Amino acid sequence: MAVAKTLRFVPLVTTFIIIFISTAITHGHATSITPRKVYLVFLDSQIIPSTKPAHLNLLKNVLQDITPEESLVYDYRSISGFAAKLSETEAKHLESIKGVLSVFPNQVVHLDRP
């Protein structure tokens, strides 16, 4: 009798395990697996305004597997541009858009080194 009660829960446990695994797999695909680094993007302010909504909209057109909000690192106000986490492919695509003057990888420079 105890075995029969235990066996009733096997389909429930199996279903739970299947749902858990499929959720984990789906969530794994939702996160970015594309290698990204920070790129500096300079814009022609006469074509693309230097505002956060304009930057997010521009990123929305090129990003493949993350949101513009996840990609945007910094909005520059004194110059027309922003910094964003992009793949190499996304950076090249962004560079081809009218109003984008240049896109290049951010580099850390140490002033105390020759």
PDB file of N, CA and C in Angstrom:
ATOM      1  N   MET A   1       0.815  -1.188   0.000  1.00  0.00           N
ATOM      2  CA  MET A   1       0.000   0.000   0.000  1.00  0.00           C
ATOM      3  C   MET A   1       0.869   1.267   0.000  1.00  0.00           C
ATOM      4  N   ALA A   2       1.961   1.262   0.765  1.00  0.00           N
ATOM      5  CA  ALA A   2       2.864   2.415   0.820  1.00  0.00           C
ATOM      6  C   ALA A   2       3.534   2.635  -0.527  1.00  0.00           C
ATOM      7  N   VAL A   3       3.832   1.527  -1.229  1.00  0.00           N
ATOM      8  CA  VAL A   3       4.446   1.634  -2.554  1.00  0.00           C
ATOM      9  C   VAL A   3       3.472   2.284  -3.530  1.00  0.00           C
ATOM     10  N   ALA A   4       2.220   1.937  -3.465  1.00  0.00           N
ATOM     11  CA  ALA A   4       1.209   2.503  -4.354  1.00  0.00           C
ATOM     12  C   ALA A   4       1.077   4.003  -4.130  1.00  0.00           C
ATOM     13  N   LYS A   5       1.136   4.456  -2.866  1.00  0.00           N
ATOM     14  CA  LYS A   5       1.053   5.890  -2.575  1.00  0.00           C
ATOM     15  C   LYS A   5       2.280   6.617  -3.119  1.00  0.00           C
ATOM     16  N   THR A   6       3.434   5.996  -2.992  1.00  0.00           N
ATOM     17  CA  THR A   6       4.665   6.598  -3.496  1.00  0.00           C
ATOM     18  C   THR A   6       4.647   6.693  -5.012  1.00  0.00           C
ATOM     19  N   LEU A   7       4.166   5.679  -5.678  1.00  0.00           N
ATOM     20  CA  LEU A   7       4.120   5.666  -7.140  1.00  0.00           C
ATOM     21  C   LEU A   7       3.172   6.714  -7.705  1.00  0.00           C
ATOM     22  N   ARG A   8       2.187   7.146  -6.930  1.00  0.00           N
ATOM     23  CA  ARG A   8       1.276   8.189  -7.394  1.00  0.00           C
ATOM     24  C   ARG A   8       2.021   9.503  -7.639  1.00  0.00           C
ATOM     25  N   PHE A   9       3.104   9.743  -6.906  1.00  0.00           N
ATOM     26  CA  PHE A   9       3.833  10.993  -7.014  1.00  0.00           C
ATOM     27  C   PHE A   9       4.909  10.982  -8.099  1.00  0.00           C
ATOM     28  N   VAL A  10       5.212   9.829  -8.663  1.00  0.00           N
ATOM     29  CA  VAL A  10       6.242   9.741  -9.694  1.00  0.00           C
ATOM     30  C   VAL A  10       5.914  10.615 -10.900  1.00  0.00           C
ATOM     31  N   PRO A  11       4.683  10.571 -11.461  1.00  0.00           N
ATOM     32  CA  PRO A  11       4.388  11.448 -12.598  1.00  0.00           C
ATOM     33  C   PRO A  11       4.502  12.930 -12.226  1.00  0.00           C
ATOM     34  N   LEU A  12       4.100  13.283 -11.030  1.00  0.00           N
ATOM     35  CA  LEU A  12       4.182  14.670 -10.582  1.00  0.00           C
ATOM     36  C   LEU A  12       5.633  15.128 -10.488  1.00  0.00           C
ATOM     37  N   VAL A  13       6.471  14.304  -9.890  1.00  0.00           N
ATOM     38  CA  VAL A  13       7.894  14.637  -9.762  1.00  0.00           C
ATOM     39  C   VAL A  13       8.558  14.692 -11.136  1.00  0.00           C
ATOM     40  N   THR A  14       8.233  13.755 -11.988  1.00  0.00           N
ATOM     41  CA  THR A  14       8.791  13.735 -13.344  1.00  0.00           C
ATOM     42  C   THR A  14       8.393  15.001 -14.101  1.00  0.00           C
ATOM     43  N   THR A  15       7.134  15.393 -13.998  1.00  0.00           N
ATOM     44  CA  THR A  15       6.653  16.610 -14.656  1.00  0.00           C
ATOM     45  C   THR A  15       7.401  17.827 -14.118  1.00  0.00           C
ATOM     46  N   PHE A  16       7.564  17.894 -12.809  1.00  0.00           N
ATOM     47  CA  PHE A  16       8.293  19.008 -12.201  1.00  0.00           C
ATOM     48  C   PHE A  16       9.725  19.087 -12.731  1.00  0.00           C
ATOM     49  N   ILE A  17      10.389  17.960 -12.817  1.00  0.00           N
ATOM     50  CA  ILE A  17      11.776  17.922 -13.306  1.00  0.00           C
ATOM     51  C   ILE A  17      11.840  18.380 -14.765  1.00  0.00           C
ATOM     52  N   ILE A  18      10.904  17.933 -15.588  1.00  0.00           N
ATOM     53  CA  ILE A  18      10.883  18.340 -17.000  1.00  0.00           C
ATOM     54  C   ILE A  18      10.662  19.844 -17.122  1.00  0.00           C
ATOM     55  N   ILE A  19       9.733  20.382 -16.346  1.00  0.00           N
ATOM     56  CA  ILE A  19       9.475  21.830 -16.383  1.00  0.00           C
ATOM     57  C   ILE A  19      10.708  22.592 -15.910  1.00  0.00           C
ATOM     58  N   PHE A  20      11.343  22.125 -14.858  1.00  0.00           N
ATOM     59  CA  PHE A  20      12.528  22.791 -14.333  1.00  0.00           C
ATOM     60  C   PHE A  20      13.654  22.819 -15.372  1.00  0.00           C
ATOM     61  N   ILE A  21      13.904  21.702 -16.008  1.00  0.00           N
ATOM     62  CA  ILE A  21      14.975  21.616 -17.005  1.00  0.00           C
ATOM     63  C   ILE A  21      14.653  22.484 -18.216  1.00  0.00           C
ATOM     64  N   SER A  22      13.421  22.450 -18.704  1.00  0.00           N
ATOM     65  CA  SER A  22      13.071  23.256 -19.877  1.00  0.00           C
ATOM     66  C   SER A  22      13.141  24.743 -19.559  1.00  0.00           C
ATOM     67  N   THR A  23      12.770  25.125 -18.334  1.00  0.00           N
ATOM     68  CA  THR A  23      12.887  26.528 -17.932  1.00  0.00           C
ATOM     69  C   THR A  23      14.349  26.940 -17.874  1.00  0.00           C
ATOM     70  N   ALA A  24      15.186  26.087 -17.343  1.00  0.00           N
ATOM     71  CA  ALA A  24      16.618  26.393 -17.262  1.00  0.00           C
ATOM     72  C   ALA A  24      17.222  26.540 -18.653  1.00  0.00           C
ATOM     73  N   ILE A  25      16.828  25.677 -19.573  1.00  0.00           N
ATOM     74  CA  ILE A  25      17.340  25.755 -20.946  1.00  0.00           C
ATOM     75  C   ILE A  25      16.855  27.032 -21.614  1.00  0.00           C
ATOM     76  N   THR A  26      15.578  27.341 -21.479  1.00  0.00           N
ATOM     77  CA  THR A  26      15.019  28.552 -22.081  1.00  0.00           C
ATOM     78  C   THR A  26      15.681  29.779 -21.505  1.00  0.00           C
ATOM     79  N   HIS A  27      15.862  29.816 -20.194  1.00  0.00           N
ATOM     80  CA  HIS A  27      16.504  30.965 -19.568  1.00  0.00           C
ATOM     81  C   HIS A  27      17.946  31.107 -20.041  1.00  0.00           C
ATOM     82  N   GLY A  28      18.610  30.005 -20.253  1.00  0.00           N
ATOM     83  CA  GLY A  28      19.983  30.035 -20.749  1.00  0.00           C
ATOM     84  C   GLY A  28      20.077  30.667 -22.117  1.00  0.00           C
ATOM     85  N   HIS A  29      19.054  30.446 -22.973  1.00  0.00           N
ATOM     86  CA  HIS A  29      19.053  31.054 -24.300  1.00  0.00           C
ATOM     87  C   HIS A  29      18.683  32.519 -24.246  1.00  0.00           C
ATOM     88  N   ALA A  30      17.964  32.936 -23.236  1.00  0.00           N
ATOM     89  CA  ALA A  30      17.546  34.324 -23.128  1.00  0.00           C
ATOM     90  C   ALA A  30      18.702  35.223 -22.727  1.00  0.00           C
ATOM     91  N   THR A  31      19.684  34.681 -22.041  1.00  0.00           N
ATOM     92  CA  THR A  31      20.822  35.497 -21.655  1.00  0.00           C
ATOM     93  C   THR A  31      21.814  35.551 -22.810  1.00  0.00           C
ATOM     94  N   SER A  32      22.592  36.584 -22.799  1.00  0.00           N
ATOM     95  CA  SER A  32      23.532  36.801 -23.887  1.00  0.00           C
ATOM     96  C   SER A  32      24.656  35.760 -23.877  1.00  0.00           C
ATOM     97  N   ILE A  33      24.840  35.095 -25.010  1.00  0.00           N
ATOM     98  CA  ILE A  33      25.964  34.175 -25.143  1.00  0.00           C
ATOM     99  C   ILE A  33      26.972  34.716 -26.152  1.00  0.00           C
ATOM    100  N   THR A  34      26.646  35.848 -26.759  1.00  0.00           N
ATOM    101  CA  THR A  34      27.537  36.482 -27.715  1.00  0.00           C
ATOM    102  C   THR A  34      28.608  37.247 -26.949  1.00  0.00           C
ATOM    103  N   PRO A  35      29.889  37.035 -27.272  1.00  0.00           N
ATOM    104  CA  PRO A  35      30.930  37.800 -26.571  1.00  0.00           C
ATOM    105  C   PRO A  35      30.799  39.287 -26.895  1.00  0.00           C
ATOM    106  N   ARG A  36      30.816  40.089 -25.866  1.00  0.00           N
ATOM    107  CA  ARG A  36      30.648  41.528 -26.035  1.00  0.00           C
ATOM    108  C   ARG A  36      31.763  42.274 -25.326  1.00  0.00           C
ATOM    109  N   LYS A  37      32.072  43.446 -25.860  1.00  0.00           N
ATOM    110  CA  LYS A  37      32.959  44.372 -25.169  1.00  0.00           C
ATOM    111  C   LYS A  37      32.371  45.762 -25.353  1.00  0.00           C
ATOM    112  N   VAL A  38      32.888  46.708 -24.612  1.00  0.00           N
ATOM    113  CA  VAL A  38      32.352  48.060 -24.678  1.00  0.00           C
ATOM    114  C   VAL A  38      32.918  48.785 -25.896  1.00  0.00           C
ATOM    115  N   TYR A  39      32.018  49.375 -26.671  1.00  0.00           N
ATOM    116  CA  TYR A  39      32.382  50.185 -27.828  1.00  0.00           C
ATOM    117  C   TYR A  39      31.934  51.618 -27.584  1.00  0.00           C
ATOM    118  N   LEU A  40      32.727  52.561 -28.086  1.00  0.00           N
ATOM    119  CA  LEU A  40      32.348  53.970 -28.058  1.00  0.00           C
ATOM    120  C   LEU A  40      31.730  54.306 -29.409  1.00  0.00           C
ATOM    121  N   VAL A  41      30.580  54.953 -29.361  1.00  0.00           N
ATOM    122  CA  VAL A  41      29.828  55.264 -30.580  1.00  0.00           C
ATOM    123  C   VAL A  41      29.681  56.777 -30.652  1.00  0.00           C
ATOM    124  N   PHE A  42      30.188  57.375 -31.721  1.00  0.00           N
ATOM    125  CA  PHE A  42      30.068  58.812 -31.918  1.00  0.00           C
ATOM    126  C   PHE A  42      29.084  59.087 -33.037  1.00  0.00           C
ATOM    127  N   LEU A  43      28.211  60.074 -32.799  1.00  0.00           N
ATOM    128  CA  LEU A  43      27.096  60.338 -33.699  1.00  0.00           C
ATOM    129  C   LEU A  43      27.155  61.733 -34.291  1.00  0.00           C
ATOM    130  N   ASP A  44      26.534  61.890 -35.439  1.00  0.00           N
ATOM    131  CA  ASP A  44      26.300  63.200 -36.041  1.00  0.00           C
ATOM    132  C   ASP A  44      25.023  63.728 -35.405  1.00  0.00           C
ATOM    133  N   SER A  45      25.149  64.722 -34.530  1.00  0.00           N
ATOM    134  CA  SER A  45      23.996  65.200 -33.767  1.00  0.00           C
ATOM    135  C   SER A  45      22.940  65.878 -34.632  1.00  0.00           C
ATOM    136  N   GLN A  46      23.288  66.226 -35.866  1.00  0.00           N
ATOM    137  CA  GLN A  46      22.294  66.803 -36.771  1.00  0.00           C
ATOM    138  C   GLN A  46      21.387  65.722 -37.351  1.00  0.00           C
ATOM    139  N   ILE A  47      21.833  64.479 -37.309  1.00  0.00           N
ATOM    140  CA  ILE A  47      21.040  63.364 -37.831  1.00  0.00           C
ATOM    141  C   ILE A  47      20.418  62.557 -36.688  1.00  0.00           C
ATOM    142  N   ILE A  48      21.202  62.267 -35.657  1.00  0.00           N
ATOM    143  CA  ILE A  48      20.721  61.489 -34.514  1.00  0.00           C
ATOM    144  C   ILE A  48      20.929  62.333 -33.253  1.00  0.00           C
ATOM    145  N   PRO A  49      19.857  62.698 -32.568  1.00  0.00           N
ATOM    146  CA  PRO A  49      20.019  63.528 -31.370  1.00  0.00           C
ATOM    147  C   PRO A  49      20.752  62.783 -30.262  1.00  0.00           C
ATOM    148  N   SER A  50      21.478  63.527 -29.441  1.00  0.00           N
ATOM    149  CA  SER A  50      22.226  62.919 -28.346  1.00  0.00           C
ATOM    150  C   SER A  50      21.350  62.847 -27.101  1.00  0.00           C
ATOM    151  N   THR A  51      20.366  61.952 -27.174  1.00  0.00           N
ATOM    152  CA  THR A  51      19.467  61.717 -26.043  1.00  0.00           C
ATOM    153  C   THR A  51      19.424  60.227 -25.761  1.00  0.00           C
ATOM    154  N   LYS A  52      19.128  59.885 -24.526  1.00  0.00           N
ATOM    155  CA  LYS A  52      19.065  58.477 -24.158  1.00  0.00           C
ATOM    156  C   LYS A  52      18.022  57.717 -24.986  1.00  0.00           C
ATOM    157  N   PRO A  53      16.805  58.260 -25.194  1.00  0.00           N
ATOM    158  CA  PRO A  53      15.836  57.530 -26.029  1.00  0.00           C
ATOM    159  C   PRO A  53      16.342  57.282 -27.452  1.00  0.00           C
ATOM    160  N   ALA A  54      17.050  58.245 -28.026  1.00  0.00           N
ATOM    161  CA  ALA A  54      17.596  58.065 -29.377  1.00  0.00           C
ATOM    162  C   ALA A  54      18.675  56.985 -29.380  1.00  0.00           C
ATOM    163  N   HIS A  55      19.510  56.952 -28.346  1.00  0.00           N
ATOM    164  CA  HIS A  55      20.566  55.938 -28.251  1.00  0.00           C
ATOM    165  C   HIS A  55      19.959  54.545 -28.098  1.00  0.00           C
ATOM    166  N   LEU A  56      18.945  54.425 -27.239  1.00  0.00           N
ATOM    167  CA  LEU A  56      18.283  53.131 -27.042  1.00  0.00           C
ATOM    168  C   LEU A  56      17.607  52.661 -28.327  1.00  0.00           C
ATOM    169  N   ASN A  57      16.982  53.593 -29.033  1.00  0.00           N
ATOM    170  CA  ASN A  57      16.325  53.247 -30.294  1.00  0.00           C
ATOM    171  C   ASN A  57      17.340  52.776 -31.333  1.00  0.00           C
ATOM    172  N   LEU A  58      18.468  53.425 -31.393  1.00  0.00           N
ATOM    173  CA  LEU A  58      19.534  53.026 -32.319  1.00  0.00           C
ATOM    174  C   LEU A  58      20.042  51.627 -31.977  1.00  0.00           C
ATOM    175  N   LEU A  59      20.260  51.365 -30.711  1.00  0.00           N
ATOM    176  CA  LEU A  59      20.721  50.044 -30.278  1.00  0.00           C
ATOM    177  C   LEU A  59      19.682  48.963 -30.575  1.00  0.00           C
ATOM    178  N   LYS A  60      18.410  49.298 -30.431  1.00  0.00           N
ATOM    179  CA  LYS A  60      17.337  48.329 -30.682  1.00  0.00           C
ATOM    180  C   LYS A  60      17.417  47.786 -32.109  1.00  0.00           C
ATOM    181  N   ASN A  61      17.922  48.591 -33.023  1.00  0.00           N
ATOM    182  CA  ASN A  61      18.009  48.186 -34.432  1.00  0.00           C
ATOM    183  C   ASN A  61      19.149  47.223 -34.729  1.00  0.00           C
ATOM    184  N   VAL A  62      20.122  47.104 -33.814  1.00  0.00           N
ATOM    185  CA  VAL A  62      21.285  46.262 -34.115  1.00  0.00           C
ATOM    186  C   VAL A  62      21.504  45.106 -33.149  1.00  0.00           C
ATOM    187  N   LEU A  63      20.942  45.184 -31.957  1.00  0.00           N
ATOM    188  CA  LEU A  63      21.196  44.149 -30.953  1.00  0.00           C
ATOM    189  C   LEU A  63      20.509  42.844 -31.312  1.00  0.00           C
ATOM    190  N   GLN A  64      21.177  41.739 -30.997  1.00  0.00           N
ATOM    191  CA  GLN A  64      20.659  40.430 -31.368  1.00  0.00           C
ATOM    192  C   GLN A  64      20.034  39.676 -30.202  1.00  0.00           C
ATOM    193  N   ASP A  65      20.646  39.704 -29.033  1.00  0.00           N
ATOM    194  CA  ASP A  65      20.123  38.861 -27.962  1.00  0.00           C
ATOM    195  C   ASP A  65      20.147  39.495 -26.581  1.00  0.00           C
ATOM    196  N   ILE A  66      20.282  40.821 -26.512  1.00  0.00           N
ATOM    197  CA  ILE A  66      20.117  41.535 -25.250  1.00  0.00           C
ATOM    198  C   ILE A  66      19.299  42.788 -25.533  1.00  0.00           C
ATOM    199  N   THR A  67      18.783  43.389 -24.491  1.00  0.00           N
ATOM    200  CA  THR A  67      17.977  44.594 -24.660  1.00  0.00           C
ATOM    201  C   THR A  67      18.885  45.821 -24.752  1.00  0.00           C
ATOM    202  N   PRO A  68      18.381  46.910 -25.333  1.00  0.00           N
ATOM    203  CA  PRO A  68      19.172  48.135 -25.375  1.00  0.00           C
ATOM    204  C   PRO A  68      19.573  48.622 -23.981  1.00  0.00           C
ATOM    205  N   GLU A  69      18.680  48.451 -23.013  1.00  0.00           N
ATOM    206  CA  GLU A  69      18.981  48.869 -21.647  1.00  0.00           C
ATOM    207  C   GLU A  69      20.129  48.060 -21.050  1.00  0.00           C
ATOM    208  N   GLU A  70      20.236  46.779 -21.403  1.00  0.00           N
ATOM    209  CA  GLU A  70      21.340  45.950 -20.927  1.00  0.00           C
ATOM    210  C   GLU A  70      22.650  46.325 -21.613  1.00  0.00           C
ATOM    211  N   SER A  71      22.557  46.807 -22.828  1.00  0.00           N
ATOM    212  CA  SER A  71      23.745  47.126 -23.611  1.00  0.00           C
ATOM    213  C   SER A  71      24.327  48.500 -23.285  1.00  0.00           C
ATOM    214  N   LEU A  72      23.463  49.484 -23.091  1.00  0.00           N
ATOM    215  CA  LEU A  72      23.918  50.859 -22.896  1.00  0.00           C
ATOM    216  C   LEU A  72      24.719  50.985 -21.611  1.00  0.00           C
ATOM    217  N   VAL A  73      25.936  51.488 -21.728  1.00  0.00           N
ATOM    218  CA  VAL A  73      26.823  51.653 -20.575  1.00  0.00           C
ATOM    219  C   VAL A  73      26.812  53.099 -20.098  1.00  0.00           C
ATOM    220  N   TYR A  74      26.879  54.053 -21.043  1.00  0.00           N
ATOM    221  CA  TYR A  74      26.977  55.460 -20.671  1.00  0.00           C
ATOM    222  C   TYR A  74      26.502  56.344 -21.817  1.00  0.00           C
ATOM    223  N   ASP A  75      25.772  57.408 -21.477  1.00  0.00           N
ATOM    224  CA  ASP A  75      25.372  58.437 -22.446  1.00  0.00           C
ATOM    225  C   ASP A  75      26.279  59.642 -22.266  1.00  0.00           C
ATOM    226  N   TYR A  76      26.918  60.056 -23.337  1.00  0.00           N
ATOM    227  CA  TYR A  76      27.746  61.248 -23.280  1.00  0.00           C
ATOM    228  C   TYR A  76      26.880  62.459 -23.581  1.00  0.00           C
ATOM    229  N   ARG A  77      27.069  63.535 -22.820  1.00  0.00           N
ATOM    230  CA  ARG A  77      26.303  64.762 -23.034  1.00  0.00           C
ATOM    231  C   ARG A  77      27.143  65.847 -23.709  1.00  0.00           C
ATOM    232  N   SER A  78      28.433  65.916 -23.381  1.00  0.00           N
ATOM    233  CA  SER A  78      29.276  66.965 -23.947  1.00  0.00           C
ATOM    234  C   SER A  78      29.617  66.681 -25.410  1.00  0.00           C
ATOM    235  N   ILE A  79      29.575  65.423 -25.787  1.00  0.00           N
ATOM    236  CA  ILE A  79      29.763  65.030 -27.180  1.00  0.00           C
ATOM    237  C   ILE A  79      28.555  64.190 -27.563  1.00  0.00           C
ATOM    238  N   SER A  80      28.322  64.053 -28.809  1.00  0.00           N
ATOM    239  CA  SER A  80      27.173  63.269 -29.257  1.00  0.00           C
ATOM    240  C   SER A  80      27.584  61.817 -29.400  1.00  0.00           C
ATOM    241  N   GLY A  81      27.215  61.004 -28.424  1.00  0.00           N
ATOM    242  CA  GLY A  81      27.571  59.600 -28.486  1.00  0.00           C
ATOM    243  C   GLY A  81      27.246  58.865 -27.216  1.00  0.00           C
ATOM    244  N   PHE A  82      27.646  57.597 -27.199  1.00  0.00           N
ATOM    245  CA  PHE A  82      27.394  56.744 -26.046  1.00  0.00           C
ATOM    246  C   PHE A  82      28.356  55.577 -26.055  1.00  0.00           C
ATOM    247  N   ALA A  83      28.401  54.865 -24.944  1.00  0.00           N
ATOM    248  CA  ALA A  83      29.179  53.631 -24.829  1.00  0.00           C
ATOM    249  C   ALA A  83      28.185  52.494 -24.640  1.00  0.00           C
ATOM    250  N   ALA A  84      28.433  51.372 -25.320  1.00  0.00           N
ATOM    251  CA  ALA A  84      27.515  50.242 -25.236  1.00  0.00           C
ATOM    252  C   ALA A  84      28.268  48.932 -25.372  1.00  0.00           C
ATOM    253  N   LYS A  85      27.721  47.877 -24.756  1.00  0.00           N
ATOM    254  CA  LYS A  85      28.278  46.534 -24.890  1.00  0.00           C
ATOM    255  C   LYS A  85      27.731  45.930 -26.176  1.00  0.00           C
ATOM    256  N   LEU A  86      28.630  45.642 -27.116  1.00  0.00           N
ATOM    257  CA  LEU A  86      28.237  45.137 -28.427  1.00  0.00           C
ATOM    258  C   LEU A  86      29.125  43.972 -28.845  1.00  0.00           C
ATOM    259  N   SER A  87      28.578  43.124 -29.679  1.00  0.00           N
ATOM    260  CA  SER A  87      29.410  42.114 -30.329  1.00  0.00           C
ATOM    261  C   SER A  87      30.096  42.798 -31.509  1.00  0.00           C
ATOM    262  N   GLU A  88      31.075  42.145 -32.069  1.00  0.00           N
ATOM    263  CA  GLU A  88      31.778  42.714 -33.225  1.00  0.00           C
ATOM    264  C   GLU A  88      30.817  42.904 -34.398  1.00  0.00           C
ATOM    265  N   THR A  89      29.931  41.942 -34.603  1.00  0.00           N
ATOM    266  CA  THR A  89      28.941  42.022 -35.683  1.00  0.00           C
ATOM    267  C   THR A  89      27.994  43.195 -35.468  1.00  0.00           C
ATOM    268  N   GLU A  90      27.518  43.364 -34.241  1.00  0.00           N
ATOM    269  CA  GLU A  90      26.607  44.464 -33.936  1.00  0.00           C
ATOM    270  C   GLU A  90      27.301  45.807 -34.122  1.00  0.00           C
ATOM    271  N   ALA A  91      28.577  45.892 -33.731  1.00  0.00           N
ATOM    272  CA  ALA A  91      29.336  47.133 -33.894  1.00  0.00           C
ATOM    273  C   ALA A  91      29.471  47.493 -35.377  1.00  0.00           C
ATOM    274  N   LYS A  92      29.760  46.501 -36.212  1.00  0.00           N
ATOM    275  CA  LYS A  92      29.886  46.756 -37.648  1.00  0.00           C
ATOM    276  C   LYS A  92      28.544  47.185 -38.249  1.00  0.00           C
ATOM    277  N   HIS A  93      27.471  46.557 -37.806  1.00  0.00           N
ATOM    278  CA  HIS A  93      26.143  46.926 -38.297  1.00  0.00           C
ATOM    279  C   HIS A  93      25.799  48.349 -37.872  1.00  0.00           C
ATOM    280  N   LEU A  94      26.095  48.697 -36.622  1.00  0.00           N
ATOM    281  CA  LEU A  94      25.826  50.033 -36.116  1.00  0.00           C
ATOM    282  C   LEU A  94      26.606  51.082 -36.900  1.00  0.00           C
ATOM    283  N   GLU A  95      27.828  50.755 -37.237  1.00  0.00           N
ATOM    284  CA  GLU A  95      28.696  51.694 -37.971  1.00  0.00           C
ATOM    285  C   GLU A  95      28.148  52.006 -39.363  1.00  0.00           C
ATOM    286  N   SER A  96      27.346  51.115 -39.922  1.00  0.00           N
ATOM    287  CA  SER A  96      26.814  51.324 -41.275  1.00  0.00           C
ATOM    288  C   SER A  96      25.560  52.196 -41.302  1.00  0.00           C
ATOM    289  N   ILE A  97      25.046  52.579 -40.138  1.00  0.00           N
ATOM    290  CA  ILE A  97      23.820  53.367 -40.067  1.00  0.00           C
ATOM    291  C   ILE A  97      24.130  54.843 -40.281  1.00  0.00           C
ATOM    292  N   LYS A  98      23.298  55.499 -41.086  1.00  0.00           N
ATOM    293  CA  LYS A  98      23.482  56.925 -41.365  1.00  0.00           C
ATOM    294  C   LYS A  98      23.376  57.712 -40.062  1.00  0.00           C
ATOM    295  N   GLY A  99      24.329  58.590 -39.849  1.00  0.00           N
ATOM    296  CA  GLY A  99      24.364  59.401 -38.642  1.00  0.00           C
ATOM    297  C   GLY A  99      25.352  58.892 -37.606  1.00  0.00           C
ATOM    298  N   VAL A 100      25.834  57.666 -37.788  1.00  0.00           N
ATOM    299  CA  VAL A 100      26.860  57.121 -36.899  1.00  0.00           C
ATOM    300  C   VAL A 100      28.209  57.460 -37.519  1.00  0.00           C
ATOM    301  N   LEU A 101      28.996  58.262 -36.820  1.00  0.00           N
ATOM    302  CA  LEU A 101      30.284  58.706 -37.353  1.00  0.00           C
ATOM    303  C   LEU A 101      31.374  57.657 -37.169  1.00  0.00           C
ATOM    304  N   SER A 102      31.433  57.036 -35.981  1.00  0.00           N
ATOM    305  CA  SER A 102      32.449  56.013 -35.745  1.00  0.00           C
ATOM    306  C   SER A 102      32.031  55.123 -34.579  1.00  0.00           C
ATOM    307  N   VAL A 103      32.521  53.897 -34.649  1.00  0.00           N
ATOM    308  CA  VAL A 103      32.304  52.902 -33.595  1.00  0.00           C
ATOM    309  C   VAL A 103      33.638  52.208 -33.387  1.00  0.00           C
ATOM    310  N   PHE A 104      34.169  52.293 -32.175  1.00  0.00           N
ATOM    311  CA  PHE A 104      35.435  51.610 -31.936  1.00  0.00           C
ATOM    312  C   PHE A 104      35.489  51.092 -30.513  1.00  0.00           C
ATOM    313  N   PRO A 105      36.258  50.021 -30.310  1.00  0.00           N
ATOM    314  CA  PRO A 105      36.335  49.416 -28.977  1.00  0.00           C
ATOM    315  C   PRO A 105      36.928  50.373 -27.955  1.00  0.00           C
ATOM    316  N   ASN A 106      36.371  50.356 -26.771  1.00  0.00           N
ATOM    317  CA  ASN A 106      36.914  51.132 -25.669  1.00  0.00           C
ATOM    318  C   ASN A 106      38.264  50.527 -25.265  1.00  0.00           C
ATOM    319  N   GLN A 107      39.225  51.384 -24.991  1.00  0.00           N
ATOM    320  CA  GLN A 107      40.540  50.909 -24.556  1.00  0.00           C
ATOM    321  C   GLN A 107      40.893  51.580 -23.245  1.00  0.00           C
ATOM    322  N   VAL A 108      41.425  50.809 -22.333  1.00  0.00           N
ATOM    323  CA  VAL A 108      41.903  51.349 -21.079  1.00  0.00           C
ATOM    324  C   VAL A 108      43.336  51.823 -21.292  1.00  0.00           C
ATOM    325  N   VAL A 109      43.594  53.074 -20.942  1.00  0.00           N
ATOM    326  CA  VAL A 109      44.926  53.653 -21.124  1.00  0.00           C
ATOM    327  C   VAL A 109      45.453  54.039 -19.744  1.00  0.00           C
ATOM    328  N   HIS A 110      46.663  53.611 -19.436  1.00  0.00           N
ATOM    329  CA  HIS A 110      47.290  53.943 -18.168  1.00  0.00           C
ATOM    330  C   HIS A 110      48.293  55.082 -18.402  1.00  0.00           C
ATOM    331  N   LEU A 111      48.066  56.216 -17.781  1.00  0.00           N
ATOM    332  CA  LEU A 111      48.920  57.379 -17.993  1.00  0.00           C
ATOM    333  C   LEU A 111      50.297  57.238 -17.379  1.00  0.00           C
ATOM    334  N   ASP A 112      50.430  56.363 -16.397  1.00  0.00           N
ATOM    335  CA  ASP A 112      51.717  56.210 -15.723  1.00  0.00           C
ATOM    336  C   ASP A 112      52.650  55.239 -16.447  1.00  0.00           C
ATOM    337  N   ARG A 113      52.223  54.705 -17.560  1.00  0.00           N
ATOM    338  CA  ARG A 113      53.061  53.764 -18.320  1.00  0.00           C
ATOM    339  C   ARG A 113      53.473  54.408 -19.649  1.00  0.00           C
ATOM    340  N   PRO A 114      54.681  54.108 -20.112  1.00  0.00           N
ATOM    341  CA  PRO A 114      55.124  54.681 -21.390  1.00  0.00           C
ATOM    342  C   PRO A 114      54.383  54.092 -22.570  1.00  0.00           C
TER     343      PRO A 114
END
